[in-house]
């Protein structure tokens, strides 16, 4: 096998083609974590640290750049959601009883989108796999627009209102992604988007409701990514075991982050039921192992993951936002075992 660089190695892993090794992604550490990691590894920039750890993967989303959405009044995407606590209280659409009321909301306008900064970052990313696209968290955005309880209740009492809001949110993201992917061209390898469908124990909503309110637009997004020649990576925390067959059928190529301690998401279960049908990204437990384990235990766990889920595996934390209480020694052990 000819030597593959990081970019083509990850492409091969996700595409189910021969690859020289499993991949590695550090994830997207929390802002408070970076100074701790730099202090331990003797680095000063994010890129320097990723290179030092042998990170193959770069996540560069247009939503990371404040200049992407340039509303003339300075509003951000779904600006009203920033004015309330997530999920716990009613959102601006909680009182809507008709689709017409939903339409009256001040929805984001794709004409205010500009991708200059993101495209420049992608172009300078080097020989690393580039995951991009809008994060497209439509499940959470619709939930926040209603509030969790009104959202789930209205699926039964006023389904047309939920559909109207879902169409508006998803319609914006679909158009935003379309414009972005057309401009990005070959700079992007994967459409990476995220919606947390699970809790620690099970799905947030039933598979039947998932099929009715989530899956139609979900299929459109995966088809959009494939239509631009991109691999499709889904992020979903929690126990989503019951809908993984639906996600595969809808076109997901790679599943992230494999919340290891959630019900049904243990590596043995995933390997038994889904190995060969999609690639895996994640799986290194952040709830206990990386937090409290020894470096030796971390290395052993990563090797076990590779035995169970390889070769279609990109080793990474089971939640990408590594917190500041994770010992850097365990981060080093994870990276070492991933590339070893």
C-alpha atoms as a PDB file:
ATOM      1  CA  UNK A   1       0.000   0.000   0.000  1.00  0.00           C
ATOM      2  CA  UNK A   2       1.376   3.395  -0.957  1.00  0.00           C
ATOM      3  CA  UNK A   3       1.895   5.817   1.910  1.00  0.00           C
ATOM      4  CA  UNK A   4      -1.178   7.975   2.521  1.00  0.00           C
ATOM      5  CA  UNK A   5      -1.096  11.373   4.167  1.00  0.00           C
ATOM      6  CA  UNK A   6      -3.578  12.278   6.923  1.00  0.00           C
ATOM      7  CA  UNK A   7      -6.200  13.626   4.524  1.00  0.00           C
ATOM      8  CA  UNK A   8      -6.354  10.567   2.307  1.00  0.00           C
ATOM      9  CA  UNK A   9      -6.047   8.214   5.268  1.00  0.00           C
ATOM     10  CA  UNK A  10      -9.251   9.570   6.813  1.00  0.00           C
ATOM     11  CA  UNK A  11     -10.975   9.590   3.430  1.00  0.00           C
ATOM     12  CA  UNK A  12     -10.094   5.917   3.050  1.00  0.00           C
ATOM     13  CA  UNK A  13     -11.215   5.016   6.577  1.00  0.00           C
ATOM     14  CA  UNK A  14     -14.615   6.649   6.119  1.00  0.00           C
ATOM     15  CA  UNK A  15     -14.967   5.382   2.574  1.00  0.00           C
ATOM     16  CA  UNK A  16     -14.289   1.777   3.580  1.00  0.00           C
ATOM     17  CA  UNK A  17     -11.119   1.582   1.516  1.00  0.00           C
ATOM     18  CA  UNK A  18      -7.752   0.115   2.619  1.00  0.00           C
ATOM     19  CA  UNK A  19      -5.982   2.452   5.037  1.00  0.00           C
ATOM     20  CA  UNK A  20      -2.578   2.083   6.694  1.00  0.00           C
ATOM     21  CA  UNK A  21      -3.904   2.684  10.222  1.00  0.00           C
ATOM     22  CA  UNK A  22      -6.788   4.028  12.273  1.00  0.00           C
ATOM     23  CA  UNK A  23      -7.151   7.790  12.434  1.00  0.00           C
ATOM     24  CA  UNK A  24      -6.960  10.261  15.305  1.00  0.00           C
ATOM     25  CA  UNK A  25      -8.826  13.481  16.164  1.00  0.00           C
ATOM     26  CA  UNK A  26      -8.145  15.383  19.364  1.00  0.00           C
ATOM     27  CA  UNK A  27     -11.642  16.832  19.190  1.00  0.00           C
ATOM     28  CA  UNK A  28     -12.484  20.457  19.899  1.00  0.00           C
ATOM     29  CA  UNK A  29     -11.297  21.153  23.459  1.00  0.00           C
ATOM     30  CA  UNK A  30     -13.138  23.701  25.567  1.00  0.00           C
ATOM     31  CA  UNK A  31     -11.609  27.181  25.582  1.00  0.00           C
ATOM     32  CA  UNK A  32     -10.445  26.731  29.197  1.00  0.00           C
ATOM     33  CA  UNK A  33      -8.641  23.505  28.265  1.00  0.00           C
ATOM     34  CA  UNK A  34      -6.277  24.901  25.646  1.00  0.00           C
ATOM     35  CA  UNK A  35      -3.932  26.779  28.048  1.00  0.00           C
ATOM     36  CA  UNK A  36      -3.589  23.622  30.143  1.00  0.00           C
ATOM     37  CA  UNK A  37      -2.722  21.530  27.092  1.00  0.00           C
ATOM     38  CA  UNK A  38      -0.262  24.121  25.801  1.00  0.00           C
ATOM     39  CA  UNK A  39       1.432  24.260  29.189  1.00  0.00           C
ATOM     40  CA  UNK A  40       1.853  20.492  29.273  1.00  0.00           C
ATOM     41  CA  UNK A  41       2.914  19.935  25.649  1.00  0.00           C
ATOM     42  CA  UNK A  42       5.020  23.093  25.255  1.00  0.00           C
ATOM     43  CA  UNK A  43       2.970  24.456  22.360  1.00  0.00           C
ATOM     44  CA  UNK A  44       1.508  27.894  21.711  1.00  0.00           C
ATOM     45  CA  UNK A  45      -1.096  27.444  18.971  1.00  0.00           C
ATOM     46  CA  UNK A  46      -3.896  24.986  18.305  1.00  0.00           C
ATOM     47  CA  UNK A  47      -2.328  23.848  15.053  1.00  0.00           C
ATOM     48  CA  UNK A  48       1.066  23.299  16.666  1.00  0.00           C
ATOM     49  CA  UNK A  49      -0.521  21.064  19.293  1.00  0.00           C
ATOM     50  CA  UNK A  50      -2.553  19.089  16.772  1.00  0.00           C
ATOM     51  CA  UNK A  51       0.537  18.441  14.670  1.00  0.00           C
ATOM     52  CA  UNK A  52       2.499  17.380  17.755  1.00  0.00           C
ATOM     53  CA  UNK A  53      -0.200  14.857  18.704  1.00  0.00           C
ATOM     54  CA  UNK A  54      -0.550  13.481  15.175  1.00  0.00           C
ATOM     55  CA  UNK A  55      -4.099  14.778  14.664  1.00  0.00           C
ATOM     56  CA  UNK A  56      -5.427  13.898  11.180  1.00  0.00           C
ATOM     57  CA  UNK A  57      -8.676  15.869  11.279  1.00  0.00           C
ATOM     58  CA  UNK A  58      -9.537  19.579  10.986  1.00  0.00           C
ATOM     59  CA  UNK A  59     -13.050  20.821  11.741  1.00  0.00           C
ATOM     60  CA  UNK A  60     -13.490  24.194  10.043  1.00  0.00           C
ATOM     61  CA  UNK A  61     -17.137  25.280  10.002  1.00  0.00           C
ATOM     62  CA  UNK A  62     -18.374  28.598   8.620  1.00  0.00           C
ATOM     63  CA  UNK A  63     -20.212  29.049  11.913  1.00  0.00           C
ATOM     64  CA  UNK A  64     -16.856  29.377  13.712  1.00  0.00           C
ATOM     65  CA  UNK A  65     -16.329  32.777  12.071  1.00  0.00           C
ATOM     66  CA  UNK A  66     -18.348  35.797  13.289  1.00  0.00           C
ATOM     67  CA  UNK A  67     -18.072  37.398   9.859  1.00  0.00           C
ATOM     68  CA  UNK A  68     -20.056  34.583   8.214  1.00  0.00           C
ATOM     69  CA  UNK A  69     -23.455  36.092   9.055  1.00  0.00           C
ATOM     70  CA  UNK A  70     -23.486  39.843   8.460  1.00  0.00           C
ATOM     71  CA  UNK A  71     -26.937  41.042   9.454  1.00  0.00           C
ATOM     72  CA  UNK A  72     -27.266  44.817   8.928  1.00  0.00           C
ATOM     73  CA  UNK A  73     -28.538  45.216  12.505  1.00  0.00           C
ATOM     74  CA  UNK A  74     -25.805  42.967  13.929  1.00  0.00           C
ATOM     75  CA  UNK A  75     -28.091  40.041  14.708  1.00  0.00           C
ATOM     76  CA  UNK A  76     -26.687  36.542  14.929  1.00  0.00           C
ATOM     77  CA  UNK A  77     -28.224  33.368  13.547  1.00  0.00           C
ATOM     78  CA  UNK A  78     -31.430  32.572  15.461  1.00  0.00           C
ATOM     79  CA  UNK A  79     -30.591  35.531  17.676  1.00  0.00           C
ATOM     80  CA  UNK A  80     -33.549  35.135  20.011  1.00  0.00           C
ATOM     81  CA  UNK A  81     -32.181  31.793  21.219  1.00  0.00           C
ATOM     82  CA  UNK A  82     -29.247  33.564  22.857  1.00  0.00           C
ATOM     83  CA  UNK A  83     -31.674  35.391  25.129  1.00  0.00           C
ATOM     84  CA  UNK A  84     -32.955  32.314  26.962  1.00  0.00           C
ATOM     85  CA  UNK A  85     -31.639  29.281  28.772  1.00  0.00           C
ATOM     86  CA  UNK A  86     -31.353  26.294  26.445  1.00  0.00           C
ATOM     87  CA  UNK A  87     -34.216  23.807  26.483  1.00  0.00           C
ATOM     88  CA  UNK A  88     -35.436  24.633  29.996  1.00  0.00           C
ATOM     89  CA  UNK A  89     -37.838  27.494  29.311  1.00  0.00           C
ATOM     90  CA  UNK A  90     -40.295  28.486  26.628  1.00  0.00           C
ATOM     91  CA  UNK A  91     -38.910  29.957  23.425  1.00  0.00           C
ATOM     92  CA  UNK A  92     -40.340  32.641  21.124  1.00  0.00           C
ATOM     93  CA  UNK A  93     -42.566  30.171  19.237  1.00  0.00           C
ATOM     94  CA  UNK A  94     -44.012  28.470  22.325  1.00  0.00           C
ATOM     95  CA  UNK A  95     -47.365  30.215  21.973  1.00  0.00           C
ATOM     96  CA  UNK A  96     -47.759  29.662  18.224  1.00  0.00           C
ATOM     97  CA  UNK A  97     -50.937  27.815  17.331  1.00  0.00           C
ATOM     98  CA  UNK A  98     -50.838  28.086  13.546  1.00  0.00           C
ATOM     99  CA  UNK A  99     -48.276  27.794  10.791  1.00  0.00           C
ATOM    100  CA  UNK A 100     -49.008  31.427   9.867  1.00  0.00           C
ATOM    101  CA  UNK A 101     -47.783  32.538  13.300  1.00  0.00           C
ATOM    102  CA  UNK A 102     -44.588  30.586  12.752  1.00  0.00           C
ATOM    103  CA  UNK A 103     -44.053  32.295   9.412  1.00  0.00           C
ATOM    104  CA  UNK A 104     -44.272  35.697  11.106  1.00  0.00           C
ATOM    105  CA  UNK A 105     -41.081  35.049  13.095  1.00  0.00           C
ATOM    106  CA  UNK A 106     -38.012  37.023  11.982  1.00  0.00           C
ATOM    107  CA  UNK A 107     -36.131  34.190  10.282  1.00  0.00           C
ATOM    108  CA  UNK A 108     -32.447  34.389   9.250  1.00  0.00           C
ATOM    109  CA  UNK A 109     -31.721  35.463   5.689  1.00  0.00           C
ATOM    110  CA  UNK A 110     -29.117  33.521   3.654  1.00  0.00           C
ATOM    111  CA  UNK A 111     -28.352  36.662   1.668  1.00  0.00           C
ATOM    112  CA  UNK A 112     -26.403  37.914   4.681  1.00  0.00           C
ATOM    113  CA  UNK A 113     -23.943  35.009   4.478  1.00  0.00           C
ATOM    114  CA  UNK A 114     -20.288  35.516   3.551  1.00  0.00           C
ATOM    115  CA  UNK A 115     -17.690  32.757   3.584  1.00  0.00           C
ATOM    116  CA  UNK A 116     -14.377  34.549   3.027  1.00  0.00           C
ATOM    117  CA  UNK A 117     -12.749  33.718   6.368  1.00  0.00           C
ATOM    118  CA  UNK A 118     -13.836  30.100   6.367  1.00  0.00           C
ATOM    119  CA  UNK A 119     -12.698  29.514   2.795  1.00  0.00           C
ATOM    120  CA  UNK A 120      -9.309  31.026   3.598  1.00  0.00           C
ATOM    121  CA  UNK A 121      -8.939  28.757   6.634  1.00  0.00           C
ATOM    122  CA  UNK A 122      -9.856  25.703   4.575  1.00  0.00           C
ATOM    123  CA  UNK A 123      -7.413  26.638   1.830  1.00  0.00           C
ATOM    124  CA  UNK A 124      -4.569  26.886   4.336  1.00  0.00           C
ATOM    125  CA  UNK A 125      -5.400  23.676   6.234  1.00  0.00           C
ATOM    126  CA  UNK A 126      -2.591  21.607   4.730  1.00  0.00           C
ATOM    127  CA  UNK A 127      -2.740  17.874   4.102  1.00  0.00           C
ATOM    128  CA  UNK A 128      -5.382  17.213   6.736  1.00  0.00           C
ATOM    129  CA  UNK A 129      -8.948  15.982   6.448  1.00  0.00           C
ATOM    130  CA  UNK A 130     -11.343  18.952   6.345  1.00  0.00           C
ATOM    131  CA  UNK A 131     -14.780  18.542   7.911  1.00  0.00           C
ATOM    132  CA  UNK A 132     -17.030  21.517   7.332  1.00  0.00           C
ATOM    133  CA  UNK A 133     -20.480  22.825   6.509  1.00  0.00           C
ATOM    134  CA  UNK A 134     -22.927  24.534   8.827  1.00  0.00           C
ATOM    135  CA  UNK A 135     -23.366  22.654  12.075  1.00  0.00           C
ATOM    136  CA  UNK A 136     -27.068  22.458  11.174  1.00  0.00           C
ATOM    137  CA  UNK A 137     -28.404  21.616  14.677  1.00  0.00           C
ATOM    138  CA  UNK A 138     -31.990  21.821  13.474  1.00  0.00           C
ATOM    139  CA  UNK A 139     -33.380  19.502  16.155  1.00  0.00           C
ATOM    140  CA  UNK A 140     -32.000  21.752  18.895  1.00  0.00           C
ATOM    141  CA  UNK A 141     -32.853  25.000  17.161  1.00  0.00           C
ATOM    142  CA  UNK A 142     -36.488  24.002  16.716  1.00  0.00           C
ATOM    143  CA  UNK A 143     -36.552  22.706  20.291  1.00  0.00           C
ATOM    144  CA  UNK A 144     -35.183  26.010  21.570  1.00  0.00           C
ATOM    145  CA  UNK A 145     -37.562  28.065  19.463  1.00  0.00           C
ATOM    146  CA  UNK A 146     -40.480  26.335  21.180  1.00  0.00           C
ATOM    147  CA  UNK A 147     -38.899  25.173  24.442  1.00  0.00           C
ATOM    148  CA  UNK A 148     -38.424  21.469  25.072  1.00  0.00           C
ATOM    149  CA  UNK A 149     -41.827  20.725  26.581  1.00  0.00           C
ATOM    150  CA  UNK A 150     -43.882  22.763  24.051  1.00  0.00           C
ATOM    151  CA  UNK A 151     -41.862  21.249  21.191  1.00  0.00           C
ATOM    152  CA  UNK A 152     -42.459  17.651  22.194  1.00  0.00           C
ATOM    153  CA  UNK A 153     -46.082  18.324  23.149  1.00  0.00           C
ATOM    154  CA  UNK A 154     -46.895  20.084  19.890  1.00  0.00           C
ATOM    155  CA  UNK A 155     -45.692  17.051  17.951  1.00  0.00           C
ATOM    156  CA  UNK A 156     -48.975  15.501  19.165  1.00  0.00           C
ATOM    157  CA  UNK A 157     -51.278  18.499  19.548  1.00  0.00           C
ATOM    158  CA  UNK A 158     -50.183  20.805  16.706  1.00  0.00           C
ATOM    159  CA  UNK A 159     -47.923  18.826  14.362  1.00  0.00           C
ATOM    160  CA  UNK A 160     -48.441  21.311  11.538  1.00  0.00           C
ATOM    161  CA  UNK A 161     -46.879  24.047  13.682  1.00  0.00           C
ATOM    162  CA  UNK A 162     -43.817  21.901  14.393  1.00  0.00           C
ATOM    163  CA  UNK A 163     -43.485  21.057  10.699  1.00  0.00           C
ATOM    164  CA  UNK A 164     -43.688  24.723   9.744  1.00  0.00           C
ATOM    165  CA  UNK A 165     -40.897  25.666  12.153  1.00  0.00           C
ATOM    166  CA  UNK A 166     -38.794  22.667  11.102  1.00  0.00           C
ATOM    167  CA  UNK A 167     -39.181  23.603   7.445  1.00  0.00           C
ATOM    168  CA  UNK A 168     -38.087  27.169   8.175  1.00  0.00           C
ATOM    169  CA  UNK A 169     -35.025  26.200  10.207  1.00  0.00           C
ATOM    170  CA  UNK A 170     -33.973  23.401   7.876  1.00  0.00           C
ATOM    171  CA  UNK A 171     -34.732  25.438   4.767  1.00  0.00           C
ATOM    172  CA  UNK A 172     -32.293  28.083   5.938  1.00  0.00           C
ATOM    173  CA  UNK A 173     -29.542  25.569   6.723  1.00  0.00           C
ATOM    174  CA  UNK A 174     -30.054  23.743   3.438  1.00  0.00           C
ATOM    175  CA  UNK A 175     -29.699  26.953   1.446  1.00  0.00           C
ATOM    176  CA  UNK A 176     -26.749  28.093   3.582  1.00  0.00           C
ATOM    177  CA  UNK A 177     -24.948  24.796   3.037  1.00  0.00           C
ATOM    178  CA  UNK A 178     -25.735  24.837  -0.658  1.00  0.00           C
ATOM    179  CA  UNK A 179     -24.160  28.257  -1.114  1.00  0.00           C
ATOM    180  CA  UNK A 180     -21.180  27.310   1.023  1.00  0.00           C
ATOM    181  CA  UNK A 181     -20.447  23.953  -0.631  1.00  0.00           C
ATOM    182  CA  UNK A 182     -20.692  25.505  -4.086  1.00  0.00           C
ATOM    183  CA  UNK A 183     -18.028  28.069  -3.165  1.00  0.00           C
ATOM    184  CA  UNK A 184     -15.833  25.655  -1.174  1.00  0.00           C
ATOM    185  CA  UNK A 185     -15.566  23.027  -3.901  1.00  0.00           C
ATOM    186  CA  UNK A 186     -12.663  20.647  -3.325  1.00  0.00           C
ATOM    187  CA  UNK A 187     -11.556  22.380  -0.132  1.00  0.00           C
ATOM    188  CA  UNK A 188     -13.981  20.252   1.907  1.00  0.00           C
ATOM    189  CA  UNK A 189     -13.899  16.484   2.470  1.00  0.00           C
ATOM    190  CA  UNK A 190     -16.955  15.956   4.673  1.00  0.00           C
ATOM    191  CA  UNK A 191     -20.219  17.525   5.681  1.00  0.00           C
ATOM    192  CA  UNK A 192     -20.042  17.301   9.480  1.00  0.00           C
ATOM    193  CA  UNK A 193     -23.244  18.258  11.273  1.00  0.00           C
ATOM    194  CA  UNK A 194     -24.721  17.670  14.678  1.00  0.00           C
ATOM    195  CA  UNK A 195     -27.973  16.975  16.477  1.00  0.00           C
ATOM    196  CA  UNK A 196     -28.042  15.224  19.856  1.00  0.00           C
ATOM    197  CA  UNK A 197     -30.905  12.766  19.569  1.00  0.00           C
ATOM    198  CA  UNK A 198     -30.189  10.785  22.741  1.00  0.00           C
ATOM    199  CA  UNK A 199     -29.931  10.957  26.502  1.00  0.00           C
ATOM    200  CA  UNK A 200     -27.700   8.726  28.607  1.00  0.00           C
ATOM    201  CA  UNK A 201     -30.462   6.085  28.647  1.00  0.00           C
ATOM    202  CA  UNK A 202     -32.375   6.322  25.350  1.00  0.00           C
ATOM    203  CA  UNK A 203     -33.677   8.569  22.593  1.00  0.00           C
ATOM    204  CA  UNK A 204     -35.206  11.946  23.465  1.00  0.00           C
ATOM    205  CA  UNK A 205     -38.183  11.120  21.265  1.00  0.00           C
ATOM    206  CA  UNK A 206     -39.644   7.856  20.023  1.00  0.00           C
ATOM    207  CA  UNK A 207     -38.489   6.262  16.761  1.00  0.00           C
ATOM    208  CA  UNK A 208     -41.961   6.951  15.337  1.00  0.00           C
ATOM    209  CA  UNK A 209     -41.666  10.673  16.069  1.00  0.00           C
ATOM    210  CA  UNK A 210     -38.089  10.594  14.776  1.00  0.00           C
ATOM    211  CA  UNK A 211     -39.379   9.181  11.494  1.00  0.00           C
ATOM    212  CA  UNK A 212     -42.097  11.822  11.239  1.00  0.00           C
ATOM    213  CA  UNK A 213     -40.335  15.026  12.317  1.00  0.00           C
ATOM    214  CA  UNK A 214     -36.590  14.418  11.964  1.00  0.00           C
ATOM    215  CA  UNK A 215     -35.837  11.901   9.246  1.00  0.00           C
ATOM    216  CA  UNK A 216     -37.341  13.699   6.201  1.00  0.00           C
ATOM    217  CA  UNK A 217     -35.023  16.698   6.480  1.00  0.00           C
ATOM    218  CA  UNK A 218     -32.197  14.525   7.755  1.00  0.00           C
ATOM    219  CA  UNK A 219     -32.287  12.603   4.480  1.00  0.00           C
ATOM    220  CA  UNK A 220     -32.197  15.874   2.536  1.00  0.00           C
ATOM    221  CA  UNK A 221     -29.063  16.983   4.372  1.00  0.00           C
ATOM    222  CA  UNK A 222     -27.191  13.727   3.817  1.00  0.00           C
ATOM    223  CA  UNK A 223     -28.225  13.756   0.157  1.00  0.00           C
ATOM    224  CA  UNK A 224     -26.985  17.332  -0.091  1.00  0.00           C
ATOM    225  CA  UNK A 225     -23.569  16.366   1.232  1.00  0.00           C
ATOM    226  CA  UNK A 226     -23.271  13.409  -1.097  1.00  0.00           C
ATOM    227  CA  UNK A 227     -24.505  15.538  -3.977  1.00  0.00           C
ATOM    228  CA  UNK A 228     -21.427  17.712  -3.523  1.00  0.00           C
ATOM    229  CA  UNK A 229     -19.138  14.682  -3.436  1.00  0.00           C
ATOM    230  CA  UNK A 230     -18.666  14.847   0.336  1.00  0.00           C
ATOM    231  CA  UNK A 231     -18.592  12.173   2.987  1.00  0.00           C
ATOM    232  CA  UNK A 232     -21.253  12.685   5.654  1.00  0.00           C
ATOM    233  CA  UNK A 233     -20.405  12.601   9.375  1.00  0.00           C
ATOM    234  CA  UNK A 234     -23.175  12.842  11.947  1.00  0.00           C
ATOM    235  CA  UNK A 235     -22.583  14.027  15.496  1.00  0.00           C
ATOM    236  CA  UNK A 236     -25.132  12.815  18.025  1.00  0.00           C
ATOM    237  CA  UNK A 237     -24.450  12.403  21.710  1.00  0.00           C
ATOM    238  CA  UNK A 238     -26.384   9.960  23.831  1.00  0.00           C
ATOM    239  CA  UNK A 239     -27.982   6.587  23.347  1.00  0.00           C
ATOM    240  CA  UNK A 240     -29.095   6.524  19.715  1.00  0.00           C
ATOM    241  CA  UNK A 241     -28.776   2.760  19.203  1.00  0.00           C
ATOM    242  CA  UNK A 242     -32.427   2.364  18.146  1.00  0.00           C
ATOM    243  CA  UNK A 243     -32.137   4.726  15.171  1.00  0.00           C
ATOM    244  CA  UNK A 244     -28.645   3.883  13.906  1.00  0.00           C
ATOM    245  CA  UNK A 245     -30.119   1.624  11.169  1.00  0.00           C
ATOM    246  CA  UNK A 246     -32.243   4.575  10.034  1.00  0.00           C
ATOM    247  CA  UNK A 247     -29.185   6.846   9.992  1.00  0.00           C
ATOM    248  CA  UNK A 248     -27.241   4.358   7.875  1.00  0.00           C
ATOM    249  CA  UNK A 249     -30.184   4.002   5.495  1.00  0.00           C
ATOM    250  CA  UNK A 250     -30.372   7.805   5.266  1.00  0.00           C
ATOM    251  CA  UNK A 251     -26.765   7.977   4.099  1.00  0.00           C
ATOM    252  CA  UNK A 252     -24.555   8.621   7.125  1.00  0.00           C
ATOM    253  CA  UNK A 253     -20.991   7.492   6.361  1.00  0.00           C
ATOM    254  CA  UNK A 254     -19.474   8.038   9.808  1.00  0.00           C
ATOM    255  CA  UNK A 255     -20.955   8.297  13.306  1.00  0.00           C
ATOM    256  CA  UNK A 256     -19.593  10.577  16.044  1.00  0.00           C
ATOM    257  CA  UNK A 257     -18.909  10.670  19.046  1.00  0.00           C
ATOM    258  CA  UNK A 258     -19.921   7.205  20.356  1.00  0.00           C
ATOM    259  CA  UNK A 259     -20.833   8.174  23.920  1.00  0.00           C
ATOM    260  CA  UNK A 260     -19.251   5.125  25.456  1.00  0.00           C
ATOM    261  CA  UNK A 261     -21.250   5.004  28.703  1.00  0.00           C
ATOM    262  CA  UNK A 262     -24.643   5.644  27.112  1.00  0.00           C
ATOM    263  CA  UNK A 263     -26.971   2.658  26.812  1.00  0.00           C
ATOM    264  CA  UNK A 264     -26.232   0.502  23.777  1.00  0.00           C
ATOM    265  CA  UNK A 265     -23.261   2.608  22.638  1.00  0.00           C
ATOM    266  CA  UNK A 266     -20.452   0.415  23.975  1.00  0.00           C
ATOM    267  CA  UNK A 267     -17.871  -0.541  21.357  1.00  0.00           C
ATOM    268  CA  UNK A 268     -18.720  -4.264  21.518  1.00  0.00           C
ATOM    269  CA  UNK A 269     -22.389  -3.545  20.775  1.00  0.00           C
ATOM    270  CA  UNK A 270     -21.585  -1.206  17.896  1.00  0.00           C
ATOM    271  CA  UNK A 271     -19.066  -3.636  16.417  1.00  0.00           C
ATOM    272  CA  UNK A 272     -21.492  -6.545  16.654  1.00  0.00           C
ATOM    273  CA  UNK A 273     -24.403  -4.739  15.025  1.00  0.00           C
ATOM    274  CA  UNK A 274     -22.945  -2.159  12.636  1.00  0.00           C
ATOM    275  CA  UNK A 275     -19.314  -2.896  11.789  1.00  0.00           C
ATOM    276  CA  UNK A 276     -18.711  -2.642   8.062  1.00  0.00           C
ATOM    277  CA  UNK A 277     -21.831  -0.544   7.499  1.00  0.00           C
ATOM    278  CA  UNK A 278     -20.316   2.816   8.505  1.00  0.00           C
ATOM    279  CA  UNK A 279     -17.181   4.302  10.046  1.00  0.00           C
ATOM    280  CA  UNK A 280     -16.814   5.339  13.681  1.00  0.00           C
ATOM    281  CA  UNK A 281     -15.340   8.555  15.107  1.00  0.00           C
ATOM    282  CA  UNK A 282     -14.855   8.830  18.872  1.00  0.00           C
ATOM    283  CA  UNK A 283     -15.410   6.230  21.557  1.00  0.00           C
ATOM    284  CA  UNK A 284     -12.750   7.157  24.163  1.00  0.00           C
ATOM    285  CA  UNK A 285     -14.837   7.688  27.292  1.00  0.00           C
ATOM    286  CA  UNK A 286     -14.734  11.262  28.633  1.00  0.00           C
ATOM    287  CA  UNK A 287     -17.173  10.659  31.495  1.00  0.00           C
ATOM    288  CA  UNK A 288     -14.858   8.451  33.507  1.00  0.00           C
ATOM    289  CA  UNK A 289     -11.834   6.989  31.695  1.00  0.00           C
ATOM    290  CA  UNK A 290     -10.122  10.169  30.449  1.00  0.00           C
ATOM    291  CA  UNK A 291     -11.074  11.979  33.635  1.00  0.00           C
ATOM    292  CA  UNK A 292     -10.062   9.419  36.285  1.00  0.00           C
ATOM    293  CA  UNK A 293      -8.125   6.665  34.516  1.00  0.00           C
ATOM    294  CA  UNK A 294      -4.370   6.263  34.391  1.00  0.00           C
ATOM    295  CA  UNK A 295      -2.436   6.773  31.151  1.00  0.00           C
ATOM    296  CA  UNK A 296      -1.942   3.010  31.000  1.00  0.00           C
ATOM    297  CA  UNK A 297      -5.676   2.419  31.287  1.00  0.00           C
ATOM    298  CA  UNK A 298      -6.309   4.969  28.539  1.00  0.00           C
ATOM    299  CA  UNK A 299      -3.818   3.277  26.223  1.00  0.00           C
ATOM    300  CA  UNK A 300      -5.385  -0.134  26.903  1.00  0.00           C
ATOM    301  CA  UNK A 301      -8.882   1.210  26.214  1.00  0.00           C
ATOM    302  CA  UNK A 302      -7.800   2.791  22.924  1.00  0.00           C
ATOM    303  CA  UNK A 303      -6.157  -0.446  21.801  1.00  0.00           C
ATOM    304  CA  UNK A 304      -9.348  -2.292  22.651  1.00  0.00           C
ATOM    305  CA  UNK A 305     -11.377   0.197  20.590  1.00  0.00           C
ATOM    306  CA  UNK A 306      -9.069  -0.348  17.650  1.00  0.00           C
ATOM    307  CA  UNK A 307      -9.436  -4.128  17.913  1.00  0.00           C
ATOM    308  CA  UNK A 308     -13.208  -3.904  18.094  1.00  0.00           C
ATOM    309  CA  UNK A 309     -14.035  -1.085  15.669  1.00  0.00           C
ATOM    310  CA  UNK A 310     -11.014  -0.875  13.393  1.00  0.00           C
ATOM    311  CA  UNK A 311     -10.066  -0.441  10.675  1.00  0.00           C
ATOM    312  CA  UNK A 312     -12.958   1.992  10.028  1.00  0.00           C
ATOM    313  CA  UNK A 313     -12.189   3.981  13.162  1.00  0.00           C
ATOM    314  CA  UNK A 314     -10.971   7.488  13.962  1.00  0.00           C
ATOM    315  CA  UNK A 315      -9.973   7.466  17.623  1.00  0.00           C
ATOM    316  CA  UNK A 316     -11.309  10.508  19.473  1.00  0.00           C
ATOM    317  CA  UNK A 317     -12.935  11.472  22.785  1.00  0.00           C
ATOM    318  CA  UNK A 318     -16.547  10.411  23.310  1.00  0.00           C
ATOM    319  CA  UNK A 319     -17.353  14.098  23.517  1.00  0.00           C
ATOM    320  CA  UNK A 320     -15.307  16.457  21.395  1.00  0.00           C
ATOM    321  CA  UNK A 321     -15.283  19.389  23.861  1.00  0.00           C
ATOM    322  CA  UNK A 322     -12.592  18.090  26.209  1.00  0.00           C
ATOM    323  CA  UNK A 323     -12.987  19.843  29.553  1.00  0.00           C
ATOM    324  CA  UNK A 324     -10.216  21.324  31.641  1.00  0.00           C
ATOM    325  CA  UNK A 325     -10.408  18.537  34.256  1.00  0.00           C
ATOM    326  CA  UNK A 326      -9.072  15.917  31.815  1.00  0.00           C
ATOM    327  CA  UNK A 327      -5.385  15.324  32.680  1.00  0.00           C
ATOM    328  CA  UNK A 328      -3.062  16.169  29.761  1.00  0.00           C
ATOM    329  CA  UNK A 329      -1.193  12.924  30.441  1.00  0.00           C
ATOM    330  CA  UNK A 330      -4.329  11.043  29.441  1.00  0.00           C
ATOM    331  CA  UNK A 331      -4.678  13.117  26.285  1.00  0.00           C
ATOM    332  CA  UNK A 332      -1.094  12.172  25.417  1.00  0.00           C
ATOM    333  CA  UNK A 333      -1.812   8.496  26.099  1.00  0.00           C
ATOM    334  CA  UNK A 334      -4.896   8.574  23.871  1.00  0.00           C
ATOM    335  CA  UNK A 335      -2.960  10.136  20.991  1.00  0.00           C
ATOM    336  CA  UNK A 336      -0.009   7.756  21.407  1.00  0.00           C
ATOM    337  CA  UNK A 337      -2.199   4.649  21.371  1.00  0.00           C
ATOM    338  CA  UNK A 338      -4.300   5.940  18.492  1.00  0.00           C
ATOM    339  CA  UNK A 339      -1.265   6.335  16.249  1.00  0.00           C
ATOM    340  CA  UNK A 340       0.669   3.330  17.629  1.00  0.00           C
END
